[in-house]
Amino acid sequence: LNHTAPNAQGWGYAVFGKVTDGMEVVDAIRKVKTGNAGFHQDVPTEDVVIEKATVLEE
């Protein structure tokens, strides 16, 4: 990500990947309540923290 400024216009995020195992975790994240935060919509009302991710070489 290219964070250009610490404000709503400069912060970004990426949503991409492939789930190879543990789809139940994705389903649990999907069920988290969301709301508005600044100029953003559909923001989780409680933090969602992914504690571990693994990169698999193909």
C-alpha atoms as a PDB file:
ATOM      1  CA  LEU A   1       0.000   0.000   0.000  1.00  0.00           C
ATOM      2  CA  ASN A   2       1.039   3.530  -0.621  1.00  0.00           C
ATOM      3  CA  HIS A   3      -0.007   5.539   2.445  1.00  0.00           C
ATOM      4  CA  THR A   4       0.344   9.113   1.245  1.00  0.00           C
ATOM      5  CA  ALA A   5      -1.112  10.906   4.276  1.00  0.00           C
ATOM      6  CA  PRO A   6      -2.542   9.974   7.698  1.00  0.00           C
ATOM      7  CA  ASN A   7      -6.079  11.042   6.809  1.00  0.00           C
ATOM      8  CA  ALA A   8      -9.130   9.572   5.057  1.00  0.00           C
ATOM      9  CA  GLN A   9      -7.820  10.619   1.661  1.00  0.00           C
ATOM     10  CA  GLY A  10      -4.340   9.177   2.181  1.00  0.00           C
ATOM     11  CA  TRP A  11      -4.878   5.900   3.992  1.00  0.00           C
ATOM     12  CA  GLY A  12      -5.673   2.856   1.930  1.00  0.00           C
ATOM     13  CA  TYR A  13      -6.199  -0.840   2.264  1.00  0.00           C
ATOM     14  CA  ALA A  14      -6.081  -3.923   0.108  1.00  0.00           C
ATOM     15  CA  VAL A  15      -8.673  -6.653  -0.047  1.00  0.00           C
ATOM     16  CA  PHE A  16      -7.359  -9.594  -1.983  1.00  0.00           C
ATOM     17  CA  GLY A  17      -6.112 -13.091  -1.374  1.00  0.00           C
ATOM     18  CA  LYS A  18      -7.058 -16.729  -1.589  1.00  0.00           C
ATOM     19  CA  VAL A  19      -8.361 -18.804   1.297  1.00  0.00           C
ATOM     20  CA  THR A  20      -6.946 -22.323   1.044  1.00  0.00           C
ATOM     21  CA  ASP A  21      -8.105 -23.481   4.482  1.00  0.00           C
ATOM     22  CA  GLY A  22     -10.189 -22.018   7.285  1.00  0.00           C
ATOM     23  CA  MET A  23     -13.171 -20.563   5.438  1.00  0.00           C
ATOM     24  CA  GLU A  24     -14.980 -20.509   8.801  1.00  0.00           C
ATOM     25  CA  VAL A  25     -12.668 -17.641   9.802  1.00  0.00           C
ATOM     26  CA  VAL A  26     -13.726 -15.663   6.725  1.00  0.00           C
ATOM     27  CA  ASP A  27     -17.377 -16.350   7.549  1.00  0.00           C
ATOM     28  CA  ALA A  28     -16.849 -15.087  11.128  1.00  0.00           C
ATOM     29  CA  ILE A  29     -15.217 -11.873   9.861  1.00  0.00           C
ATOM     30  CA  ARG A  30     -18.069 -11.376   7.395  1.00  0.00           C
ATOM     31  CA  LYS A  31     -20.605 -11.458  10.274  1.00  0.00           C
ATOM     32  CA  VAL A  32     -18.969  -8.593  12.225  1.00  0.00           C
ATOM     33  CA  LYS A  33     -21.238  -5.564  12.658  1.00  0.00           C
ATOM     34  CA  THR A  34     -20.232  -2.548  10.585  1.00  0.00           C
ATOM     35  CA  GLY A  35     -21.035   1.155  10.504  1.00  0.00           C
ATOM     36  CA  ASN A  36     -19.743   4.467   9.205  1.00  0.00           C
ATOM     37  CA  ALA A  37     -16.405   5.991  10.179  1.00  0.00           C
ATOM     38  CA  GLY A  38     -15.593   9.379   8.716  1.00  0.00           C
ATOM     39  CA  PHE A  39     -16.021   9.186   4.954  1.00  0.00           C
ATOM     40  CA  HIS A  40     -15.959   5.387   4.970  1.00  0.00           C
ATOM     41  CA  GLN A  41     -18.923   3.019   5.072  1.00  0.00           C
ATOM     42  CA  ASP A  42     -19.129  -0.638   6.082  1.00  0.00           C
ATOM     43  CA  VAL A  43     -16.314  -0.310   8.641  1.00  0.00           C
ATOM     44  CA  PRO A  44     -16.205  -2.933  11.424  1.00  0.00           C
ATOM     45  CA  THR A  45     -17.452  -1.445  14.714  1.00  0.00           C
ATOM     46  CA  GLU A  46     -14.905  -3.628  16.551  1.00  0.00           C
ATOM     47  CA  ASP A  47     -11.377  -4.307  15.327  1.00  0.00           C
ATOM     48  CA  VAL A  48     -10.845  -7.449  13.279  1.00  0.00           C
ATOM     49  CA  VAL A  49      -7.297  -8.672  13.872  1.00  0.00           C
ATOM     50  CA  ILE A  50      -5.666 -11.375  11.777  1.00  0.00           C
ATOM     51  CA  GLU A  51      -2.925 -12.770  13.994  1.00  0.00           C
ATOM     52  CA  LYS A  52      -1.246 -15.002  11.431  1.00  0.00           C
ATOM     53  CA  ALA A  53      -1.072 -15.351   7.661  1.00  0.00           C
ATOM     54  CA  THR A  54       1.097 -17.658   5.601  1.00  0.00           C
ATOM     55  CA  VAL A  55       2.389 -17.081   2.092  1.00  0.00           C
ATOM     56  CA  LEU A  56       2.389 -20.303   0.079  1.00  0.00           C
ATOM     57  CA  GLU A  57       4.807 -20.612  -2.818  1.00  0.00           C
ATOM     58  CA  GLU A  58       3.376 -22.179  -5.975  1.00  0.00           C
END
